[in-house]
Amino acid sequence: MSVLRQILKQFVLFIFGWLLASILIFGTIWLLPGDVAQIIGGTTATPAEIAEIRTRLGLDQPLHVQYFKWIFDFLQGNLGTSLISGLSIADQLAWRATISLPLVAMAFLITLLIAVPLGFWGGYRAGHTGADVATASGFTIAAAPLVLIALIIISVFSLRLGVFPAQGFNPTGWQDPLSALRSLFLPALTIGIIEAAIVFRFVRSSVLDAVRSAPVLTGMSFGLTRMQAVLRFGMPQAGLNLLGVFGVQLATMIVSSVVIERLYALPGIGSMLVADIGGRDLPKVASVLLLITSFILVLGFIIDLAQKLIDPRLRTEVRK
């Protein structure tokens, strides 16, 4: 019964957070300066034509009416149509997601491949010169601007070595998977290196705590090697702690991909979002932002719930 109560409580918090996020997104987008109807009508449109456009799009209705219509349509899977192009927002998202989602997935994989082994080594061998150098390098890279890392990567892998394209996406899309992956590698590597430097510190700290924990010391006293004791008794708890870190960093990668897509000229969701903000395509911007926010909230809900279901101590702390 306590598990069910925990799930219900987490779900209520999730719904509350989602509704609050939707209100903030809607309010912020509609407070931006400029008249969408004027942009659509152009400079030659008469006041009557602008009023007709505003009525046709429902922009003359009170804000709360527009909000509830937008939310109800969103919940039914209807993201609406673009005010500028008149095309389905869902169709445009579906195509651009074939670029953005693989980009984030590749960046996350690169992050794990770099941060987990180096973080484990840095924590397990703490105090040794090599581990300390890796730790200092991690702090330096984590503090570096994203654009600087991107410029270094482009200079090395594209301009000097010429093995990967510096910008753009394969014109044939995923019909040529190898070429598409080559187009996404440098953007994914840029995000992955930055995020790996951040995750590295958490992995190192968790492993360092595991190495010094009582279960590991007890295991060693029973004849296990230090490595065996750490892997058997220390890493399960460290892995549970890192689960939340990986979830947060995955959400951060989604946000970072917006900047990276513009920098590498990738026609993904991030590039579309920036262009639509400039074009004042407000319904499209609001729907895309809410969709991204919903994904991040669902991710957080699943990870938080998983941690509480796996570790009974977290449920006990909540009840207290």
C-alpha atoms as a PDB file:
ATOM      1  CA  MET A   1       0.000   0.000   0.000  1.00  0.00           C
ATOM      2  CA  SER A   2       2.891   2.359   0.767  1.00  0.00           C
ATOM      3  CA  VAL A   3       4.282   1.792  -2.736  1.00  0.00           C
ATOM      4  CA  LEU A   4       0.932   2.650  -4.324  1.00  0.00           C
ATOM      5  CA  ARG A   5       0.634   5.739  -2.139  1.00  0.00           C
ATOM      6  CA  GLN A   6       4.132   6.779  -3.196  1.00  0.00           C
ATOM      7  CA  ILE A   7       3.262   6.370  -6.879  1.00  0.00           C
ATOM      8  CA  LEU A   8       0.074   8.421  -6.485  1.00  0.00           C
ATOM      9  CA  LYS A   9       1.933  11.171  -4.646  1.00  0.00           C
ATOM     10  CA  GLN A  10       4.614  11.324  -7.329  1.00  0.00           C
ATOM     11  CA  PHE A  11       1.943  11.413 -10.026  1.00  0.00           C
ATOM     12  CA  VAL A  12       0.084  14.297  -8.350  1.00  0.00           C
ATOM     13  CA  LEU A  13       3.341  16.254  -8.103  1.00  0.00           C
ATOM     14  CA  PHE A  14       4.035  15.497 -11.749  1.00  0.00           C
ATOM     15  CA  ILE A  15       0.609  16.787 -12.848  1.00  0.00           C
ATOM     16  CA  PHE A  16       0.999  19.926 -10.737  1.00  0.00           C
ATOM     17  CA  GLY A  17       4.465  20.609 -12.187  1.00  0.00           C
ATOM     18  CA  TRP A  18       3.229  20.035 -15.730  1.00  0.00           C
ATOM     19  CA  LEU A  19       0.294  22.420 -15.345  1.00  0.00           C
ATOM     20  CA  LEU A  20       2.531  25.073 -13.787  1.00  0.00           C
ATOM     21  CA  ALA A  21       5.021  24.690 -16.638  1.00  0.00           C
ATOM     22  CA  SER A  22       2.251  25.009 -19.230  1.00  0.00           C
ATOM     23  CA  ILE A  23       0.998  28.242 -17.626  1.00  0.00           C
ATOM     24  CA  LEU A  24       4.513  29.700 -17.516  1.00  0.00           C
ATOM     25  CA  ILE A  25       5.195  28.767 -21.141  1.00  0.00           C
ATOM     26  CA  PHE A  26       1.885  30.169 -22.373  1.00  0.00           C
ATOM     27  CA  GLY A  27       2.209  33.361 -20.355  1.00  0.00           C
ATOM     28  CA  THR A  28       5.803  34.000 -21.374  1.00  0.00           C
ATOM     29  CA  ILE A  29       5.205  33.343 -25.077  1.00  0.00           C
ATOM     30  CA  TRP A  30       2.131  35.558 -25.277  1.00  0.00           C
ATOM     31  CA  LEU A  31       3.844  38.394 -23.408  1.00  0.00           C
ATOM     32  CA  LEU A  32       6.499  38.695 -26.109  1.00  0.00           C
ATOM     33  CA  PRO A  33       6.263  42.005 -27.989  1.00  0.00           C
ATOM     34  CA  GLY A  34       4.869  42.151 -31.502  1.00  0.00           C
ATOM     35  CA  ASP A  35       1.616  41.396 -33.277  1.00  0.00           C
ATOM     36  CA  VAL A  36       1.362  37.981 -34.903  1.00  0.00           C
ATOM     37  CA  ALA A  37      -1.557  39.062 -37.068  1.00  0.00           C
ATOM     38  CA  GLN A  38       0.467  42.016 -38.363  1.00  0.00           C
ATOM     39  CA  ILE A  39       3.385  39.729 -39.207  1.00  0.00           C
ATOM     40  CA  ILE A  40       1.134  37.328 -41.101  1.00  0.00           C
ATOM     41  CA  GLY A  41      -0.711  40.113 -42.907  1.00  0.00           C
ATOM     42  CA  GLY A  42       2.450  41.966 -43.846  1.00  0.00           C
ATOM     43  CA  THR A  43       3.095  45.688 -44.064  1.00  0.00           C
ATOM     44  CA  THR A  44       0.417  46.233 -46.716  1.00  0.00           C
ATOM     45  CA  ALA A  45      -2.444  44.695 -44.688  1.00  0.00           C
ATOM     46  CA  THR A  46      -5.271  47.037 -43.710  1.00  0.00           C
ATOM     47  CA  PRO A  47      -6.592  47.220 -40.136  1.00  0.00           C
ATOM     48  CA  ALA A  48      -9.692  45.286 -41.256  1.00  0.00           C
ATOM     49  CA  GLU A  49      -7.565  42.518 -42.744  1.00  0.00           C
ATOM     50  CA  ILE A  50      -5.460  42.308 -39.585  1.00  0.00           C
ATOM     51  CA  ALA A  51      -8.617  42.118 -37.469  1.00  0.00           C
ATOM     52  CA  GLU A  52      -9.936  39.335 -39.719  1.00  0.00           C
ATOM     53  CA  ILE A  53      -6.699  37.372 -39.300  1.00  0.00           C
ATOM     54  CA  ARG A  54      -6.820  37.834 -35.538  1.00  0.00           C
ATOM     55  CA  THR A  55     -10.416  36.576 -35.426  1.00  0.00           C
ATOM     56  CA  ARG A  56      -9.676  33.613 -37.692  1.00  0.00           C
ATOM     57  CA  LEU A  57      -6.771  32.506 -35.505  1.00  0.00           C
ATOM     58  CA  GLY A  58      -8.665  33.083 -32.262  1.00  0.00           C
ATOM     59  CA  LEU A  59      -6.199  35.733 -31.124  1.00  0.00           C
ATOM     60  CA  ASP A  60      -9.040  38.095 -30.252  1.00  0.00           C
ATOM     61  CA  GLN A  61     -10.307  35.760 -27.524  1.00  0.00           C
ATOM     62  CA  PRO A  62      -9.377  36.233 -23.841  1.00  0.00           C
ATOM     63  CA  LEU A  63      -6.050  34.700 -22.847  1.00  0.00           C
ATOM     64  CA  HIS A  64      -7.589  32.121 -20.528  1.00  0.00           C
ATOM     65  CA  VAL A  65      -9.839  30.889 -23.367  1.00  0.00           C
ATOM     66  CA  GLN A  66      -6.835  30.597 -25.677  1.00  0.00           C
ATOM     67  CA  TYR A  67      -4.901  28.761 -22.943  1.00  0.00           C
ATOM     68  CA  PHE A  68      -7.564  26.146 -22.247  1.00  0.00           C
ATOM     69  CA  LYS A  69      -8.143  25.525 -25.961  1.00  0.00           C
ATOM     70  CA  TRP A  70      -4.404  25.074 -26.459  1.00  0.00           C
ATOM     71  CA  ILE A  71      -4.088  22.671 -23.495  1.00  0.00           C
ATOM     72  CA  PHE A  72      -7.098  20.560 -24.481  1.00  0.00           C
ATOM     73  CA  ASP A  73      -5.831  20.268 -28.053  1.00  0.00           C
ATOM     74  CA  PHE A  74      -2.351  19.354 -26.787  1.00  0.00           C
ATOM     75  CA  LEU A  75      -3.702  16.608 -24.513  1.00  0.00           C
ATOM     76  CA  GLN A  76      -5.601  15.148 -27.475  1.00  0.00           C
ATOM     77  CA  GLY A  77      -2.384  15.015 -29.510  1.00  0.00           C
ATOM     78  CA  ASN A  78      -3.334  17.988 -31.666  1.00  0.00           C
ATOM     79  CA  LEU A  79      -0.338  20.341 -31.668  1.00  0.00           C
ATOM     80  CA  GLY A  80      -2.049  22.663 -34.121  1.00  0.00           C
ATOM     81  CA  THR A  81      -0.742  24.255 -37.304  1.00  0.00           C
ATOM     82  CA  SER A  82       1.974  26.783 -37.911  1.00  0.00           C
ATOM     83  CA  LEU A  83       0.678  30.357 -38.214  1.00  0.00           C
ATOM     84  CA  ILE A  84       3.380  31.204 -40.717  1.00  0.00           C
ATOM     85  CA  SER A  85       3.507  28.148 -42.981  1.00  0.00           C
ATOM     86  CA  GLY A  86       0.076  26.650 -42.300  1.00  0.00           C
ATOM     87  CA  LEU A  87       1.669  23.186 -42.020  1.00  0.00           C
ATOM     88  CA  SER A  88       0.974  20.654 -39.282  1.00  0.00           C
ATOM     89  CA  ILE A  89       3.261  21.192 -36.288  1.00  0.00           C
ATOM     90  CA  ALA A  90       3.270  17.458 -35.541  1.00  0.00           C
ATOM     91  CA  ASP A  91       4.469  16.629 -39.071  1.00  0.00           C
ATOM     92  CA  GLN A  92       7.278  19.178 -38.878  1.00  0.00           C
ATOM     93  CA  LEU A  93       8.324  17.875 -35.465  1.00  0.00           C
ATOM     94  CA  ALA A  94       8.317  14.269 -36.651  1.00  0.00           C
ATOM     95  CA  TRP A  95      10.818  15.022 -39.411  1.00  0.00           C
ATOM     96  CA  ARG A  96      13.105  17.206 -37.313  1.00  0.00           C
ATOM     97  CA  ALA A  97      13.023  14.690 -34.456  1.00  0.00           C
ATOM     98  CA  THR A  98      14.861  12.256 -36.731  1.00  0.00           C
ATOM     99  CA  ILE A  99      17.834  14.597 -36.314  1.00  0.00           C
ATOM    100  CA  SER A 100      17.459  15.856 -32.744  1.00  0.00           C
ATOM    101  CA  LEU A 101      16.715  12.531 -31.040  1.00  0.00           C
ATOM    102  CA  PRO A 102      19.678  10.632 -32.560  1.00  0.00           C
ATOM    103  CA  LEU A 103      21.868  13.634 -31.720  1.00  0.00           C
ATOM    104  CA  VAL A 104      20.898  13.511 -28.032  1.00  0.00           C
ATOM    105  CA  ALA A 105      21.182   9.706 -27.963  1.00  0.00           C
ATOM    106  CA  MET A 106      24.698   9.826 -29.443  1.00  0.00           C
ATOM    107  CA  ALA A 107      25.729  12.571 -27.018  1.00  0.00           C
ATOM    108  CA  PHE A 108      24.408  10.565 -24.075  1.00  0.00           C
ATOM    109  CA  LEU A 109      26.277   7.452 -25.220  1.00  0.00           C
ATOM    110  CA  ILE A 110      29.510   9.425 -25.607  1.00  0.00           C
ATOM    111  CA  THR A 111      29.000  10.882 -22.130  1.00  0.00           C
ATOM    112  CA  LEU A 112      28.639   7.428 -20.586  1.00  0.00           C
ATOM    113  CA  LEU A 113      31.619   5.997 -22.471  1.00  0.00           C
ATOM    114  CA  ILE A 114      33.858   8.821 -21.244  1.00  0.00           C
ATOM    115  CA  ALA A 115      32.514   9.645 -17.778  1.00  0.00           C
ATOM    116  CA  VAL A 116      31.832   6.201 -16.297  1.00  0.00           C
ATOM    117  CA  PRO A 117      35.231   4.506 -16.800  1.00  0.00           C
ATOM    118  CA  LEU A 118      37.229   7.680 -16.118  1.00  0.00           C
ATOM    119  CA  GLY A 119      35.081   8.551 -13.102  1.00  0.00           C
ATOM    120  CA  PHE A 120      35.469   5.044 -11.687  1.00  0.00           C
ATOM    121  CA  TRP A 121      39.213   5.183 -12.215  1.00  0.00           C
ATOM    122  CA  GLY A 122      39.454   8.669 -10.735  1.00  0.00           C
ATOM    123  CA  GLY A 123      37.589   7.607  -7.585  1.00  0.00           C
ATOM    124  CA  TYR A 124      39.241   4.216  -7.212  1.00  0.00           C
ATOM    125  CA  ARG A 125      42.741   5.611  -7.723  1.00  0.00           C
ATOM    126  CA  ALA A 126      42.182   8.915  -5.899  1.00  0.00           C
ATOM    127  CA  GLY A 127      45.450  10.447  -4.749  1.00  0.00           C
ATOM    128  CA  HIS A 128      47.506   9.125  -7.653  1.00  0.00           C
ATOM    129  CA  THR A 129      48.927  11.607 -10.145  1.00  0.00           C
ATOM    130  CA  GLY A 130      47.007  10.365 -13.172  1.00  0.00           C
ATOM    131  CA  ALA A 131      43.665  10.391 -11.361  1.00  0.00           C
ATOM    132  CA  ASP A 132      44.299  13.893 -10.020  1.00  0.00           C
ATOM    133  CA  VAL A 133      45.180  15.143 -13.513  1.00  0.00           C
ATOM    134  CA  ALA A 134      41.949  13.643 -14.875  1.00  0.00           C
ATOM    135  CA  THR A 135      39.983  15.332 -12.091  1.00  0.00           C
ATOM    136  CA  ALA A 136      41.569  18.723 -12.780  1.00  0.00           C
ATOM    137  CA  SER A 137      40.920  18.299 -16.510  1.00  0.00           C
ATOM    138  CA  GLY A 138      37.285  17.478 -15.801  1.00  0.00           C
ATOM    139  CA  PHE A 139      36.807  20.675 -13.816  1.00  0.00           C
ATOM    140  CA  THR A 140      38.463  22.727 -16.565  1.00  0.00           C
ATOM    141  CA  ILE A 141      36.372  21.270 -19.382  1.00  0.00           C
ATOM    142  CA  ALA A 142      33.147  21.592 -17.373  1.00  0.00           C
ATOM    143  CA  ALA A 143      33.832  25.310 -16.901  1.00  0.00           C
ATOM    144  CA  ALA A 144      34.659  25.917 -20.585  1.00  0.00           C
ATOM    145  CA  PRO A 145      32.026  27.580 -22.822  1.00  0.00           C
ATOM    146  CA  LEU A 146      30.170  25.243 -25.146  1.00  0.00           C
ATOM    147  CA  VAL A 147      31.108  27.347 -28.171  1.00  0.00           C
ATOM    148  CA  LEU A 148      34.827  27.110 -27.339  1.00  0.00           C
ATOM    149  CA  ILE A 149      34.704  23.316 -27.145  1.00  0.00           C
ATOM    150  CA  ALA A 150      32.812  23.235 -30.441  1.00  0.00           C
ATOM    151  CA  LEU A 151      35.394  25.440 -32.174  1.00  0.00           C
ATOM    152  CA  ILE A 152      38.249  23.244 -30.956  1.00  0.00           C
ATOM    153  CA  ILE A 153      36.502  20.075 -32.122  1.00  0.00           C
ATOM    154  CA  ILE A 154      35.702  21.577 -35.542  1.00  0.00           C
ATOM    155  CA  SER A 155      39.295  22.779 -35.944  1.00  0.00           C
ATOM    156  CA  VAL A 156      40.731  19.356 -35.144  1.00  0.00           C
ATOM    157  CA  PHE A 157      38.314  16.879 -36.732  1.00  0.00           C
ATOM    158  CA  SER A 158      37.005  18.916 -39.661  1.00  0.00           C
ATOM    159  CA  LEU A 159      39.498  21.598 -40.689  1.00  0.00           C
ATOM    160  CA  ARG A 160      42.738  19.726 -39.935  1.00  0.00           C
ATOM    161  CA  LEU A 161      41.862  16.046 -40.259  1.00  0.00           C
ATOM    162  CA  GLY A 162      38.879  16.477 -42.577  1.00  0.00           C
ATOM    163  CA  VAL A 163      37.197  13.298 -41.359  1.00  0.00           C
ATOM    164  CA  PHE A 164      33.841  14.822 -40.365  1.00  0.00           C
ATOM    165  CA  PRO A 165      31.740  17.642 -41.856  1.00  0.00           C
ATOM    166  CA  ALA A 166      31.788  20.902 -39.906  1.00  0.00           C
ATOM    167  CA  GLN A 167      28.168  21.877 -40.553  1.00  0.00           C
ATOM    168  CA  GLY A 168      24.932  20.694 -42.087  1.00  0.00           C
ATOM    169  CA  PHE A 169      23.154  17.374 -42.297  1.00  0.00           C
ATOM    170  CA  ASN A 170      23.338  14.706 -44.967  1.00  0.00           C
ATOM    171  CA  PRO A 171      20.913  15.814 -47.769  1.00  0.00           C
ATOM    172  CA  THR A 172      19.630  12.267 -48.260  1.00  0.00           C
ATOM    173  CA  GLY A 173      18.827  11.969 -44.551  1.00  0.00           C
ATOM    174  CA  TRP A 174      18.877   8.495 -43.057  1.00  0.00           C
ATOM    175  CA  GLN A 175      18.771   6.819 -46.465  1.00  0.00           C
ATOM    176  CA  ASP A 176      22.560   6.859 -46.064  1.00  0.00           C
ATOM    177  CA  PRO A 177      22.943   5.991 -42.342  1.00  0.00           C
ATOM    178  CA  LEU A 178      26.741   6.221 -42.287  1.00  0.00           C
ATOM    179  CA  SER A 179      26.748   9.705 -43.796  1.00  0.00           C
ATOM    180  CA  ALA A 180      23.974  10.805 -41.420  1.00  0.00           C
ATOM    181  CA  LEU A 181      25.932   9.553 -38.417  1.00  0.00           C
ATOM    182  CA  ARG A 182      29.033  11.388 -39.655  1.00  0.00           C
ATOM    183  CA  SER A 183      26.986  14.609 -39.819  1.00  0.00           C
ATOM    184  CA  LEU A 184      25.885  14.168 -36.193  1.00  0.00           C
ATOM    185  CA  PHE A 185      29.174  12.985 -34.705  1.00  0.00           C
ATOM    186  CA  LEU A 186      30.870  16.340 -34.076  1.00  0.00           C
ATOM    187  CA  PRO A 187      27.745  17.966 -32.553  1.00  0.00           C
ATOM    188  CA  ALA A 188      27.231  14.883 -30.364  1.00  0.00           C
ATOM    189  CA  LEU A 189      30.898  14.856 -29.375  1.00  0.00           C
ATOM    190  CA  THR A 190      30.699  18.527 -28.381  1.00  0.00           C
ATOM    191  CA  ILE A 191      27.747  17.921 -26.071  1.00  0.00           C
ATOM    192  CA  GLY A 192      29.191  14.614 -24.862  1.00  0.00           C
ATOM    193  CA  ILE A 193      32.551  16.055 -23.805  1.00  0.00           C
ATOM    194  CA  ILE A 194      30.963  18.890 -21.824  1.00  0.00           C
ATOM    195  CA  GLU A 195      28.449  16.606 -20.120  1.00  0.00           C
ATOM    196  CA  ALA A 196      31.075  13.904 -19.509  1.00  0.00           C
ATOM    197  CA  ALA A 197      33.204  16.417 -17.618  1.00  0.00           C
ATOM    198  CA  ILE A 198      30.237  17.131 -15.363  1.00  0.00           C
ATOM    199  CA  VAL A 199      29.138  13.513 -14.904  1.00  0.00           C
ATOM    200  CA  PHE A 200      32.761  12.494 -14.287  1.00  0.00           C
ATOM    201  CA  ARG A 201      32.790  14.446 -11.033  1.00  0.00           C
ATOM    202  CA  PHE A 202      29.639  12.736  -9.774  1.00  0.00           C
ATOM    203  CA  VAL A 203      30.895   9.273 -10.739  1.00  0.00           C
ATOM    204  CA  ARG A 204      34.247   9.927  -9.097  1.00  0.00           C
ATOM    205  CA  SER A 205      32.618  11.193  -5.918  1.00  0.00           C
ATOM    206  CA  SER A 206      30.244   8.212  -5.747  1.00  0.00           C
ATOM    207  CA  VAL A 207      33.055   5.712  -6.286  1.00  0.00           C
ATOM    208  CA  LEU A 208      35.233   7.484  -3.724  1.00  0.00           C
ATOM    209  CA  ASP A 209      32.443   7.215  -1.153  1.00  0.00           C
ATOM    210  CA  ALA A 210      31.925   3.569  -2.072  1.00  0.00           C
ATOM    211  CA  VAL A 211      35.615   2.766  -1.636  1.00  0.00           C
ATOM    212  CA  ARG A 212      35.572   4.248   1.871  1.00  0.00           C
ATOM    213  CA  SER A 213      32.204   2.792   2.899  1.00  0.00           C
ATOM    214  CA  ALA A 214      31.798   0.293   5.742  1.00  0.00           C
ATOM    215  CA  PRO A 215      30.421  -2.553   3.554  1.00  0.00           C
ATOM    216  CA  VAL A 216      33.505  -2.385   1.313  1.00  0.00           C
ATOM    217  CA  LEU A 217      35.889  -2.376   4.278  1.00  0.00           C
ATOM    218  CA  THR A 218      33.976  -5.304   5.808  1.00  0.00           C
ATOM    219  CA  GLY A 219      34.162  -7.230   2.557  1.00  0.00           C
ATOM    220  CA  MET A 220      37.910  -6.683   2.390  1.00  0.00           C
ATOM    221  CA  SER A 221      38.252  -7.957   5.956  1.00  0.00           C
ATOM    222  CA  PHE A 222      36.621 -11.219   4.810  1.00  0.00           C
ATOM    223  CA  GLY A 223      39.287 -11.748   2.175  1.00  0.00           C
ATOM    224  CA  LEU A 224      37.905  -9.956  -0.868  1.00  0.00           C
ATOM    225  CA  THR A 225      40.236  -7.790  -2.888  1.00  0.00           C
ATOM    226  CA  ARG A 226      39.602  -4.072  -2.891  1.00  0.00           C
ATOM    227  CA  MET A 227      38.208  -4.191  -6.422  1.00  0.00           C
ATOM    228  CA  GLN A 228      35.944  -7.161  -5.642  1.00  0.00           C
ATOM    229  CA  ALA A 229      34.588  -5.467  -2.523  1.00  0.00           C
ATOM    230  CA  VAL A 230      33.932  -2.194  -4.355  1.00  0.00           C
ATOM    231  CA  LEU A 231      32.137  -3.904  -7.252  1.00  0.00           C
ATOM    232  CA  ARG A 232      30.058  -6.171  -4.993  1.00  0.00           C
ATOM    233  CA  PHE A 233      29.137  -3.851  -2.125  1.00  0.00           C
ATOM    234  CA  GLY A 234      29.957  -0.296  -3.146  1.00  0.00           C
ATOM    235  CA  MET A 235      28.804   0.087  -6.727  1.00  0.00           C
ATOM    236  CA  PRO A 236      25.107  -0.902  -6.308  1.00  0.00           C
ATOM    237  CA  GLN A 237      24.502   2.046  -3.994  1.00  0.00           C
ATOM    238  CA  ALA A 238      26.695   4.324  -6.113  1.00  0.00           C
ATOM    239  CA  GLY A 239      24.745   3.287  -9.204  1.00  0.00           C
ATOM    240  CA  LEU A 240      21.465   4.174  -7.528  1.00  0.00           C
ATOM    241  CA  ASN A 241      22.780   7.642  -6.680  1.00  0.00           C
ATOM    242  CA  LEU A 242      24.071   8.137 -10.217  1.00  0.00           C
ATOM    243  CA  LEU A 243      20.720   7.216 -11.758  1.00  0.00           C
ATOM    244  CA  GLY A 244      19.340  10.647 -10.870  1.00  0.00           C
ATOM    245  CA  VAL A 245      22.492  12.355 -12.146  1.00  0.00           C
ATOM    246  CA  PHE A 246      22.209  10.640 -15.527  1.00  0.00           C
ATOM    247  CA  GLY A 247      18.570  11.712 -15.783  1.00  0.00           C
ATOM    248  CA  VAL A 248      19.365  15.348 -15.031  1.00  0.00           C
ATOM    249  CA  GLN A 249      22.222  15.403 -17.521  1.00  0.00           C
ATOM    250  CA  LEU A 250      20.052  13.825 -20.210  1.00  0.00           C
ATOM    251  CA  ALA A 251      17.580  16.673 -19.729  1.00  0.00           C
ATOM    252  CA  THR A 252      20.478  19.146 -19.925  1.00  0.00           C
ATOM    253  CA  MET A 253      21.586  17.619 -23.211  1.00  0.00           C
ATOM    254  CA  ILE A 254      18.157  18.262 -24.699  1.00  0.00           C
ATOM    255  CA  VAL A 255      18.510  21.955 -23.844  1.00  0.00           C
ATOM    256  CA  SER A 256      22.135  22.078 -25.045  1.00  0.00           C
ATOM    257  CA  SER A 257      21.133  20.580 -28.381  1.00  0.00           C
ATOM    258  CA  VAL A 258      19.248  23.804 -29.202  1.00  0.00           C
ATOM    259  CA  VAL A 259      22.513  25.775 -29.196  1.00  0.00           C
ATOM    260  CA  ILE A 260      24.488  23.006 -30.874  1.00  0.00           C
ATOM    261  CA  GLU A 261      22.011  22.624 -33.734  1.00  0.00           C
ATOM    262  CA  ARG A 262      22.311  26.305 -34.564  1.00  0.00           C
ATOM    263  CA  LEU A 263      26.105  26.184 -34.294  1.00  0.00           C
ATOM    264  CA  TYR A 264      26.427  23.157 -36.574  1.00  0.00           C
ATOM    265  CA  ALA A 265      23.554  24.215 -38.889  1.00  0.00           C
ATOM    266  CA  LEU A 266      21.509  21.097 -38.178  1.00  0.00           C
ATOM    267  CA  PRO A 267      17.821  21.291 -39.205  1.00  0.00           C
ATOM    268  CA  GLY A 268      16.593  19.808 -35.924  1.00  0.00           C
ATOM    269  CA  ILE A 269      13.978  20.817 -33.390  1.00  0.00           C
ATOM    270  CA  GLY A 270      16.291  23.355 -31.742  1.00  0.00           C
ATOM    271  CA  SER A 271      16.963  25.226 -34.991  1.00  0.00           C
ATOM    272  CA  MET A 272      13.253  25.207 -35.808  1.00  0.00           C
ATOM    273  CA  LEU A 273      12.425  26.572 -32.352  1.00  0.00           C
ATOM    274  CA  VAL A 274      14.862  29.480 -32.628  1.00  0.00           C
ATOM    275  CA  ALA A 275      13.589  30.369 -36.111  1.00  0.00           C
ATOM    276  CA  ASP A 276       9.953  30.237 -34.969  1.00  0.00           C
ATOM    277  CA  ILE A 277      10.645  32.535 -32.032  1.00  0.00           C
ATOM    278  CA  GLY A 278      12.109  35.073 -34.444  1.00  0.00           C
ATOM    279  CA  GLY A 279       9.145  34.627 -36.782  1.00  0.00           C
ATOM    280  CA  ARG A 280       6.615  35.016 -33.930  1.00  0.00           C
ATOM    281  CA  ASP A 281       4.968  31.650 -34.671  1.00  0.00           C
ATOM    282  CA  LEU A 282       3.646  31.604 -31.111  1.00  0.00           C
ATOM    283  CA  PRO A 283       1.397  28.506 -31.091  1.00  0.00           C
ATOM    284  CA  LYS A 284       4.170  26.446 -32.622  1.00  0.00           C
ATOM    285  CA  VAL A 285       6.761  27.725 -30.147  1.00  0.00           C
ATOM    286  CA  ALA A 286       4.448  27.082 -27.195  1.00  0.00           C
ATOM    287  CA  SER A 287       3.574  23.547 -28.337  1.00  0.00           C
ATOM    288  CA  VAL A 288       7.204  22.594 -28.969  1.00  0.00           C
ATOM    289  CA  LEU A 289       8.339  23.998 -25.623  1.00  0.00           C
ATOM    290  CA  LEU A 290       5.573  22.183 -23.769  1.00  0.00           C
ATOM    291  CA  LEU A 291       6.403  18.950 -25.575  1.00  0.00           C
ATOM    292  CA  ILE A 292      10.076  19.228 -24.569  1.00  0.00           C
ATOM    293  CA  THR A 293       9.106  20.163 -21.009  1.00  0.00           C
ATOM    294  CA  SER A 294       6.710  17.213 -20.828  1.00  0.00           C
ATOM    295  CA  PHE A 295       9.447  14.814 -21.888  1.00  0.00           C
ATOM    296  CA  ILE A 296      11.828  16.186 -19.248  1.00  0.00           C
ATOM    297  CA  LEU A 297       9.154  15.995 -16.535  1.00  0.00           C
ATOM    298  CA  VAL A 298       8.234  12.415 -17.498  1.00  0.00           C
ATOM    299  CA  LEU A 299      11.911  11.477 -17.413  1.00  0.00           C
ATOM    300  CA  GLY A 300      12.301  12.992 -13.953  1.00  0.00           C
ATOM    301  CA  PHE A 301       9.117  11.296 -12.733  1.00  0.00           C
ATOM    302  CA  ILE A 302      10.293   7.862 -13.901  1.00  0.00           C
ATOM    303  CA  ILE A 303      13.778   8.206 -12.435  1.00  0.00           C
ATOM    304  CA  ASP A 304      12.575   9.576  -9.100  1.00  0.00           C
ATOM    305  CA  LEU A 305       9.963   6.851  -8.799  1.00  0.00           C
ATOM    306  CA  ALA A 306      12.470   4.158  -9.776  1.00  0.00           C
ATOM    307  CA  GLN A 307      14.879   5.308  -7.087  1.00  0.00           C
ATOM    308  CA  LYS A 308      12.186   5.157  -4.420  1.00  0.00           C
ATOM    309  CA  LEU A 309      10.950   1.752  -5.543  1.00  0.00           C
ATOM    310  CA  ILE A 310      14.466   0.285  -5.650  1.00  0.00           C
ATOM    311  CA  ASP A 311      15.668   1.761  -2.346  1.00  0.00           C
ATOM    312  CA  PRO A 312      13.153   1.281   0.519  1.00  0.00           C
ATOM    313  CA  ARG A 313      15.059   3.821   2.640  1.00  0.00           C
ATOM    314  CA  LEU A 314      13.895   6.637   0.367  1.00  0.00           C
ATOM    315  CA  ARG A 315      10.266   5.631   0.898  1.00  0.00           C
ATOM    316  CA  THR A 316      10.813   5.548   4.647  1.00  0.00           C
ATOM    317  CA  GLU A 317      12.309   9.031   4.586  1.00  0.00           C
ATOM    318  CA  VAL A 318       9.295  10.334   2.661  1.00  0.00           C
ATOM    319  CA  ARG A 319       6.817   8.887   5.172  1.00  0.00           C
ATOM    320  CA  LYS A 320       8.649  10.575   8.035  1.00  0.00           C
END
